């Protein structure tokens, strides 16, 4: 039995990309919000970005402690900017 593909709107894809670029947004939050695992997020980024931008992003997030909750040594609180969530 195959797992049904998740269909995201254009604005949701944009938000996933924005969250993936943010240093303090872990992949687990993307998964909880949009149902995309880390590997699915990587595939989305590869598909939606220019190759050079994708390479820069991968270099940036590879090994970054803040992108994985279980690697963090502390509980990070987040403040939200009023313009962060697009409507």
PDB file of N, CA and C in Angstrom:
ATOM      1  N   UNK A   1       0.848  -1.172   0.000  1.00  0.00           N
ATOM      2  CA  UNK A   1       0.000   0.000   0.000  1.00  0.00           C
ATOM      3  C   UNK A   1       0.900   1.243   0.000  1.00  0.00           C
ATOM      4  N   UNK A   2       0.696   2.141  -0.925  1.00  0.00           N
ATOM      5  CA  UNK A   2       1.511   3.347  -0.993  1.00  0.00           C
ATOM      6  C   UNK A   2       0.898   4.447  -0.136  1.00  0.00           C
ATOM      7  N   UNK A   3       1.762   5.325   0.325  1.00  0.00           N
ATOM      8  CA  UNK A   3       1.331   6.460   1.141  1.00  0.00           C
ATOM      9  C   UNK A   3       0.866   7.566   0.203  1.00  0.00           C
ATOM     10  N   UNK A   4      -0.323   8.129   0.426  1.00  0.00           N
ATOM     11  CA  UNK A   4      -0.802   9.191  -0.460  1.00  0.00           C
ATOM     12  C   UNK A   4       0.111  10.417  -0.396  1.00  0.00           C
ATOM     13  N   UNK A   5       0.303  11.039  -1.548  1.00  0.00           N
ATOM     14  CA  UNK A   5       1.133  12.231  -1.638  1.00  0.00           C
ATOM     15  C   UNK A   5       0.396  13.413  -1.017  1.00  0.00           C
ATOM     16  N   UNK A   6       1.131  14.210  -0.253  1.00  0.00           N
ATOM     17  CA  UNK A   6       0.581  15.406   0.347  1.00  0.00           C
ATOM     18  C   UNK A   6       0.596  16.514  -0.698  1.00  0.00           C
ATOM     19  N   UNK A   7      -0.519  17.174  -0.891  1.00  0.00           N
ATOM     20  CA  UNK A   7      -0.612  18.262  -1.862  1.00  0.00           C
ATOM     21  C   UNK A   7      -0.641  19.573  -1.089  1.00  0.00           C
ATOM     22  N   UNK A   8       0.368  20.399  -1.341  1.00  0.00           N
ATOM     23  CA  UNK A   8       0.468  21.699  -0.682  1.00  0.00           C
ATOM     24  C   UNK A   8       0.093  22.797  -1.667  1.00  0.00           C
ATOM     25  N   UNK A   9      -0.539  23.840  -1.146  1.00  0.00           N
ATOM     26  CA  UNK A   9      -0.835  25.000  -1.976  1.00  0.00           C
ATOM     27  C   UNK A   9       0.461  25.770  -2.219  1.00  0.00           C
ATOM     28  N   UNK A  10       0.396  26.700  -3.135  1.00  0.00           N
ATOM     29  CA  UNK A  10       1.561  27.525  -3.444  1.00  0.00           C
ATOM     30  C   UNK A  10       2.020  28.307  -2.208  1.00  0.00           C
ATOM     31  N   UNK A  11       1.078  28.824  -1.440  1.00  0.00           N
ATOM     32  CA  UNK A  11       1.439  29.588  -0.245  1.00  0.00           C
ATOM     33  C   UNK A  11       2.039  28.668   0.832  1.00  0.00           C
ATOM     34  N   UNK A  12       1.556  27.432   0.923  1.00  0.00           N
ATOM     35  CA  UNK A  12       2.127  26.490   1.887  1.00  0.00           C
ATOM     36  C   UNK A  12       3.546  26.097   1.498  1.00  0.00           C
ATOM     37  N   UNK A  13       3.791  25.883   0.212  1.00  0.00           N
ATOM     38  CA  UNK A  13       5.148  25.583  -0.261  1.00  0.00           C
ATOM     39  C   UNK A  13       6.071  26.745   0.071  1.00  0.00           C
ATOM     40  N   UNK A  14       5.594  27.968  -0.158  1.00  0.00           N
ATOM     41  CA  UNK A  14       6.375  29.156   0.161  1.00  0.00           C
ATOM     42  C   UNK A  14       6.705  29.210   1.647  1.00  0.00           C
ATOM     43  N   UNK A  15       5.736  28.876   2.487  1.00  0.00           N
ATOM     44  CA  UNK A  15       5.954  28.900   3.943  1.00  0.00           C
ATOM     45  C   UNK A  15       6.927  27.809   4.374  1.00  0.00           C
ATOM     46  N   UNK A  16       6.842  26.619   3.776  1.00  0.00           N
ATOM     47  CA  UNK A  16       7.793  25.548   4.096  1.00  0.00           C
ATOM     48  C   UNK A  16       9.215  25.991   3.761  1.00  0.00           C
ATOM     49  N   UNK A  17       9.387  26.598   2.596  1.00  0.00           N
ATOM     50  CA  UNK A  17      10.712  27.083   2.184  1.00  0.00           C
ATOM     51  C   UNK A  17      11.204  28.139   3.171  1.00  0.00           C
ATOM     52  N   UNK A  18      10.331  29.050   3.545  1.00  0.00           N
ATOM     53  CA  UNK A  18      10.693  30.094   4.508  1.00  0.00           C
ATOM     54  C   UNK A  18      11.109  29.478   5.848  1.00  0.00           C
ATOM     55  N   UNK A  19      10.345  28.502   6.332  1.00  0.00           N
ATOM     56  CA  UNK A  19      10.666  27.853   7.604  1.00  0.00           C
ATOM     57  C   UNK A  19      11.971  27.073   7.514  1.00  0.00           C
ATOM     58  N   UNK A  20      12.204  26.434   6.368  1.00  0.00           N
ATOM     59  CA  UNK A  20      13.433  25.655   6.199  1.00  0.00           C
ATOM     60  C   UNK A  20      14.671  26.561   6.196  1.00  0.00           C
ATOM     61  N   UNK A  21      14.540  27.776   5.687  1.00  0.00           N
ATOM     62  CA  UNK A  21      15.646  28.730   5.670  1.00  0.00           C
ATOM     63  C   UNK A  21      15.936  29.296   7.061  1.00  0.00           C
ATOM     64  N   UNK A  22      14.923  29.364   7.908  1.00  0.00           N
ATOM     65  CA  UNK A  22      15.100  29.952   9.233  1.00  0.00           C
ATOM     66  C   UNK A  22      16.009  29.070  10.083  1.00  0.00           C
ATOM     67  N   UNK A  23      16.951  29.685  10.756  1.00  0.00           N
ATOM     68  CA  UNK A  23      17.910  28.940  11.570  1.00  0.00           C
ATOM     69  C   UNK A  23      17.269  28.244  12.762  1.00  0.00           C
ATOM     70  N   UNK A  24      16.304  28.879  13.384  1.00  0.00           N
ATOM     71  CA  UNK A  24      15.761  28.347  14.630  1.00  0.00           C
ATOM     72  C   UNK A  24      14.477  27.533  14.473  1.00  0.00           C
ATOM     73  N   UNK A  25      14.084  27.248  13.245  1.00  0.00           N
ATOM     74  CA  UNK A  25      12.906  26.421  13.031  1.00  0.00           C
ATOM     75  C   UNK A  25      13.366  24.995  12.738  1.00  0.00           C
ATOM     76  N   UNK A  26      13.166  24.087  13.676  1.00  0.00           N
ATOM     77  CA  UNK A  26      13.620  22.708  13.447  1.00  0.00           C
ATOM     78  C   UNK A  26      12.734  21.979  12.437  1.00  0.00           C
ATOM     79  N   UNK A  27      13.297  20.949  11.828  1.00  0.00           N
ATOM     80  CA  UNK A  27      12.553  20.150  10.863  1.00  0.00           C
ATOM     81  C   UNK A  27      11.313  19.518  11.502  1.00  0.00           C
ATOM     82  N   UNK A  28      11.379  19.235  12.787  1.00  0.00           N
ATOM     83  CA  UNK A  28      10.231  18.644  13.470  1.00  0.00           C
ATOM     84  C   UNK A  28       9.017  19.565  13.454  1.00  0.00           C
ATOM     85  N   UNK A  29       9.229  20.865  13.497  1.00  0.00           N
ATOM     86  CA  UNK A  29       8.117  21.825  13.434  1.00  0.00           C
ATOM     87  C   UNK A  29       7.501  21.819  12.033  1.00  0.00           C
ATOM     88  N   UNK A  30       8.337  21.727  11.015  1.00  0.00           N
ATOM     89  CA  UNK A  30       7.823  21.639   9.636  1.00  0.00           C
ATOM     90  C   UNK A  30       6.985  20.370   9.490  1.00  0.00           C
ATOM     91  N   UNK A  31       7.475  19.280  10.076  1.00  0.00           N
ATOM     92  CA  UNK A  31       6.725  18.024  10.000  1.00  0.00           C
ATOM     93  C   UNK A  31       5.392  18.122  10.741  1.00  0.00           C
ATOM     94  N   UNK A  32       5.413  18.717  11.921  1.00  0.00           N
ATOM     95  CA  UNK A  32       4.178  18.850  12.697  1.00  0.00           C
ATOM     96  C   UNK A  32       3.176  19.776  12.009  1.00  0.00           C
ATOM     97  N   UNK A  33       3.675  20.809  11.344  1.00  0.00           N
ATOM     98  CA  UNK A  33       2.801  21.799  10.713  1.00  0.00           C
ATOM     99  C   UNK A  33       2.282  21.346   9.348  1.00  0.00           C
ATOM    100  N   UNK A  34       3.170  20.767   8.536  1.00  0.00           N
ATOM    101  CA  UNK A  34       2.813  20.443   7.153  1.00  0.00           C
ATOM    102  C   UNK A  34       2.855  18.954   6.824  1.00  0.00           C
ATOM    103  N   UNK A  35       3.310  18.114   7.757  1.00  0.00           N
ATOM    104  CA  UNK A  35       3.357  16.680   7.510  1.00  0.00           C
ATOM    105  C   UNK A  35       4.514  16.234   6.641  1.00  0.00           C
ATOM    106  N   UNK A  36       5.533  17.093   6.482  1.00  0.00           N
ATOM    107  CA  UNK A  36       6.698  16.753   5.665  1.00  0.00           C
ATOM    108  C   UNK A  36       7.863  16.352   6.566  1.00  0.00           C
ATOM    109  N   UNK A  37       8.395  15.153   6.352  1.00  0.00           N
ATOM    110  CA  UNK A  37       9.575  14.733   7.101  1.00  0.00           C
ATOM    111  C   UNK A  37      10.781  15.545   6.627  1.00  0.00           C
ATOM    112  N   UNK A  38      11.901  15.376   7.301  1.00  0.00           N
ATOM    113  CA  UNK A  38      13.112  16.095   6.889  1.00  0.00           C
ATOM    114  C   UNK A  38      13.484  15.739   5.446  1.00  0.00           C
ATOM    115  N   UNK A  39      13.442  14.461   5.101  1.00  0.00           N
ATOM    116  CA  UNK A  39      13.815  14.061   3.735  1.00  0.00           C
ATOM    117  C   UNK A  39      12.819  14.606   2.704  1.00  0.00           C
ATOM    118  N   UNK A  40      11.544  14.659   3.055  1.00  0.00           N
ATOM    119  CA  UNK A  40      10.548  15.232   2.143  1.00  0.00           C
ATOM    120  C   UNK A  40      10.740  16.738   1.997  1.00  0.00           C
ATOM    121  N   UNK A  41      11.142  17.397   3.076  1.00  0.00           N
ATOM    122  CA  UNK A  41      11.429  18.830   3.016  1.00  0.00           C
ATOM    123  C   UNK A  41      12.617  19.079   2.099  1.00  0.00           C
ATOM    124  N   UNK A  42      13.630  18.245   2.208  1.00  0.00           N
ATOM    125  CA  UNK A  42      14.814  18.372   1.346  1.00  0.00           C
ATOM    126  C   UNK A  42      14.414  18.187  -0.123  1.00  0.00           C
ATOM    127  N   UNK A  43      13.577  17.197  -0.399  1.00  0.00           N
ATOM    128  CA  UNK A  43      13.109  16.969  -1.775  1.00  0.00           C
ATOM    129  C   UNK A  43      12.332  18.175  -2.290  1.00  0.00           C
ATOM    130  N   UNK A  44      11.466  18.741  -1.442  1.00  0.00           N
ATOM    131  CA  UNK A  44      10.705  19.920  -1.835  1.00  0.00           C
ATOM    132  C   UNK A  44      11.648  21.083  -2.145  1.00  0.00           C
ATOM    133  N   UNK A  45      12.627  21.285  -1.282  1.00  0.00           N
ATOM    134  CA  UNK A  45      13.584  22.375  -1.497  1.00  0.00           C
ATOM    135  C   UNK A  45      14.355  22.161  -2.801  1.00  0.00           C
ATOM    136  N   UNK A  46      14.771  20.940  -3.064  1.00  0.00           N
ATOM    137  CA  UNK A  46      15.506  20.636  -4.298  1.00  0.00           C
ATOM    138  C   UNK A  46      14.635  20.934  -5.524  1.00  0.00           C
ATOM    139  N   UNK A  47      13.355  20.571  -5.435  1.00  0.00           N
ATOM    140  CA  UNK A  47      12.436  20.748  -6.559  1.00  0.00           C
ATOM    141  C   UNK A  47      12.080  22.220  -6.797  1.00  0.00           C
ATOM    142  N   UNK A  48      11.923  22.982  -5.721  1.00  0.00           N
ATOM    143  CA  UNK A  48      11.399  24.337  -5.828  1.00  0.00           C
ATOM    144  C   UNK A  48      12.465  25.429  -5.974  1.00  0.00           C
ATOM    145  N   UNK A  49      13.702  25.113  -5.667  1.00  0.00           N
ATOM    146  CA  UNK A  49      14.755  26.138  -5.681  1.00  0.00           C
ATOM    147  C   UNK A  49      15.693  25.945  -6.865  1.00  0.00           C
ATOM    148  N   UNK A  50      16.376  27.027  -7.227  1.00  0.00           N
ATOM    149  CA  UNK A  50      17.447  26.896  -8.211  1.00  0.00           C
ATOM    150  C   UNK A  50      18.522  25.998  -7.605  1.00  0.00           C
ATOM    151  N   UNK A  51      19.262  25.301  -8.444  1.00  0.00           N
ATOM    152  CA  UNK A  51      20.288  24.360  -7.974  1.00  0.00           C
ATOM    153  C   UNK A  51      21.317  25.048  -7.077  1.00  0.00           C
ATOM    154  N   UNK A  52      21.742  26.242  -7.445  1.00  0.00           N
ATOM    155  CA  UNK A  52      22.750  26.942  -6.646  1.00  0.00           C
ATOM    156  C   UNK A  52      22.192  27.350  -5.283  1.00  0.00           C
ATOM    157  N   UNK A  53      20.934  27.770  -5.250  1.00  0.00           N
ATOM    158  CA  UNK A  53      20.302  28.136  -3.976  1.00  0.00           C
ATOM    159  C   UNK A  53      20.120  26.913  -3.098  1.00  0.00           C
ATOM    160  N   UNK A  54      19.753  25.787  -3.702  1.00  0.00           N
ATOM    161  CA  UNK A  54      19.601  24.551  -2.940  1.00  0.00           C
ATOM    162  C   UNK A  54      20.933  24.143  -2.325  1.00  0.00           C
ATOM    163  N   UNK A  55      22.007  24.212  -3.096  1.00  0.00           N
ATOM    164  CA  UNK A  55      23.339  23.848  -2.573  1.00  0.00           C
ATOM    165  C   UNK A  55      23.730  24.752  -1.404  1.00  0.00           C
ATOM    166  N   UNK A  56      23.472  26.046  -1.519  1.00  0.00           N
ATOM    167  CA  UNK A  56      23.762  26.972  -0.424  1.00  0.00           C
ATOM    168  C   UNK A  56      22.962  26.616   0.823  1.00  0.00           C
ATOM    169  N   UNK A  57      21.682  26.293   0.638  1.00  0.00           N
ATOM    170  CA  UNK A  57      20.827  25.935   1.767  1.00  0.00           C
ATOM    171  C   UNK A  57      21.307  24.653   2.430  1.00  0.00           C
ATOM    172  N   UNK A  58      21.627  23.635   1.632  1.00  0.00           N
ATOM    173  CA  UNK A  58      22.091  22.364   2.196  1.00  0.00           C
ATOM    174  C   UNK A  58      23.384  22.557   2.977  1.00  0.00           C
ATOM    175  N   UNK A  59      24.280  23.354   2.432  1.00  0.00           N
ATOM    176  CA  UNK A  59      25.544  23.629   3.127  1.00  0.00           C
ATOM    177  C   UNK A  59      25.261  24.322   4.456  1.00  0.00           C
ATOM    178  N   UNK A  60      24.298  25.209   4.438  1.00  0.00           N
ATOM    179  CA  UNK A  60      23.942  25.994   5.619  1.00  0.00           C
ATOM    180  C   UNK A  60      23.317  25.139   6.719  1.00  0.00           C
ATOM    181  N   UNK A  61      22.400  24.233   6.374  1.00  0.00           N
ATOM    182  CA  UNK A  61      21.677  23.483   7.396  1.00  0.00           C
ATOM    183  C   UNK A  61      22.341  22.170   7.797  1.00  0.00           C
ATOM    184  N   UNK A  62      23.257  21.671   7.001  1.00  0.00           N
ATOM    185  CA  UNK A  62      23.896  20.403   7.329  1.00  0.00           C
ATOM    186  C   UNK A  62      24.686  20.553   8.623  1.00  0.00           C
ATOM    187  N   UNK A  63      24.315  19.758   9.603  1.00  0.00           N
ATOM    188  CA  UNK A  63      24.997  19.784  10.891  1.00  0.00           C
ATOM    189  C   UNK A  63      24.592  20.911  11.816  1.00  0.00           C
ATOM    190  N   UNK A  64      23.624  21.723  11.408  1.00  0.00           N
ATOM    191  CA  UNK A  64      23.187  22.839  12.249  1.00  0.00           C
ATOM    192  C   UNK A  64      22.336  22.300  13.399  1.00  0.00           C
ATOM    193  N   UNK A  65      22.799  22.521  14.607  1.00  0.00           N
ATOM    194  CA  UNK A  65      22.143  21.986  15.795  1.00  0.00           C
ATOM    195  C   UNK A  65      20.717  22.505  15.939  1.00  0.00           C
ATOM    196  N   UNK A  66      20.479  23.744  15.593  1.00  0.00           N
ATOM    197  CA  UNK A  66      19.153  24.333  15.806  1.00  0.00           C
ATOM    198  C   UNK A  66      18.099  23.786  14.851  1.00  0.00           C
ATOM    199  N   UNK A  67      18.495  23.061  13.815  1.00  0.00           N
ATOM    200  CA  UNK A  67      17.520  22.501  12.886  1.00  0.00           C
ATOM    201  C   UNK A  67      16.987  21.150  13.353  1.00  0.00           C
ATOM    202  N   UNK A  68      17.509  20.636  14.467  1.00  0.00           N
ATOM    203  CA  UNK A  68      17.070  19.343  14.990  1.00  0.00           C
ATOM    204  C   UNK A  68      16.842  19.468  16.487  1.00  0.00           C
ATOM    205  N   UNK A  69      15.620  19.308  16.919  1.00  0.00           N
ATOM    206  CA  UNK A  69      15.285  19.462  18.343  1.00  0.00           C
ATOM    207  C   UNK A  69      16.114  18.559  19.239  1.00  0.00           C
ATOM    208  N   UNK A  70      16.313  17.311  18.818  1.00  0.00           N
ATOM    209  CA  UNK A  70      17.009  16.374  19.693  1.00  0.00           C
ATOM    210  C   UNK A  70      18.496  16.691  19.841  1.00  0.00           C
ATOM    211  N   UNK A  71      19.048  17.505  18.964  1.00  0.00           N
ATOM    212  CA  UNK A  71      20.459  17.894  19.071  1.00  0.00           C
ATOM    213  C   UNK A  71      20.659  19.147  19.916  1.00  0.00           C
ATOM    214  N   UNK A  72      19.572  19.851  20.191  1.00  0.00           N
ATOM    215  CA  UNK A  72      19.670  21.066  21.002  1.00  0.00           C
ATOM    216  C   UNK A  72      19.959  20.709  22.448  1.00  0.00           C
ATOM    217  N   UNK A  73      20.830  21.465  23.067  1.00  0.00           N
ATOM    218  CA  UNK A  73      21.152  21.224  24.458  1.00  0.00           C
ATOM    219  C   UNK A  73      20.259  22.004  25.412  1.00  0.00           C
ATOM    220  N   UNK A  74      19.319  22.772  24.872  1.00  0.00           N
ATOM    221  CA  UNK A  74      18.456  23.614  25.695  1.00  0.00           C
ATOM    222  C   UNK A  74      17.138  23.796  24.972  1.00  0.00           C
ATOM    223  N   UNK A  75      16.170  24.307  25.694  1.00  0.00           N
ATOM    224  CA  UNK A  75      14.856  24.550  25.112  1.00  0.00           C
ATOM    225  C   UNK A  75      14.808  25.991  24.611  1.00  0.00           C
ATOM    226  N   UNK A  76      14.681  26.155  23.319  1.00  0.00           N
ATOM    227  CA  UNK A  76      14.691  27.486  22.727  1.00  0.00           C
ATOM    228  C   UNK A  76      13.274  28.022  22.631  1.00  0.00           C
ATOM    229  N   UNK A  77      13.067  29.175  23.210  1.00  0.00           N
ATOM    230  CA  UNK A  77      11.776  29.838  23.053  1.00  0.00           C
ATOM    231  C   UNK A  77      11.823  30.685  21.802  1.00  0.00           C
ATOM    232  N   UNK A  78      10.685  30.945  21.223  1.00  0.00           N
ATOM    233  CA  UNK A  78      10.644  31.756  20.014  1.00  0.00           C
ATOM    234  C   UNK A  78       9.639  32.869  20.166  1.00  0.00           C
ATOM    235  N   UNK A  79      10.037  34.030  19.714  1.00  0.00           N
ATOM    236  CA  UNK A  79       9.101  35.127  19.582  1.00  0.00           C
ATOM    237  C   UNK A  79       8.690  35.199  18.131  1.00  0.00           C
ATOM    238  N   UNK A  80       7.523  35.697  17.868  1.00  0.00           N
ATOM    239  CA  UNK A  80       7.047  35.749  16.496  1.00  0.00           C
ATOM    240  C   UNK A  80       6.812  37.191  16.074  1.00  0.00           C
ATOM    241  N   UNK A  81       7.239  37.473  14.893  1.00  0.00           N
ATOM    242  CA  UNK A  81       7.019  38.775  14.284  1.00  0.00           C
ATOM    243  C   UNK A  81       5.585  38.812  13.749  1.00  0.00           C
ATOM    244  N   UNK A  82       4.888  39.933  13.888  1.00  0.00           N
ATOM    245  CA  UNK A  82       3.504  40.002  13.406  1.00  0.00           C
ATOM    246  C   UNK A  82       3.376  39.723  11.907  1.00  0.00           C
ATOM    247  N   UNK A  83       4.422  39.975  11.134  1.00  0.00           N
ATOM    248  CA  UNK A  83       4.348  39.752   9.688  1.00  0.00           C
ATOM    249  C   UNK A  83       4.856  38.377   9.283  1.00  0.00           C
ATOM    250  N   UNK A  84       5.201  37.534  10.256  1.00  0.00           N
ATOM    251  CA  UNK A  84       5.780  36.238   9.935  1.00  0.00           C
ATOM    252  C   UNK A  84       4.793  35.328   9.200  1.00  0.00           C
ATOM    253  N   UNK A  85       3.550  35.338   9.603  1.00  0.00           N
ATOM    254  CA  UNK A  85       2.573  34.470   8.969  1.00  0.00           C
ATOM    255  C   UNK A  85       1.807  35.244   7.919  1.00  0.00           C
ATOM    256  N   UNK A  86       1.993  34.850   6.700  1.00  0.00           N
ATOM    257  CA  UNK A  86       1.390  35.551   5.578  1.00  0.00           C
ATOM    258  C   UNK A  86      -0.082  35.167   5.472  1.00  0.00           C
ATOM    259  N   UNK A  87      -0.893  36.108   5.105  1.00  0.00           N
ATOM    260  CA  UNK A  87      -2.340  35.837   4.941  1.00  0.00           C
ATOM    261  C   UNK A  87      -2.789  36.241   3.579  1.00  0.00           C
TER     262      UNK A  87
END
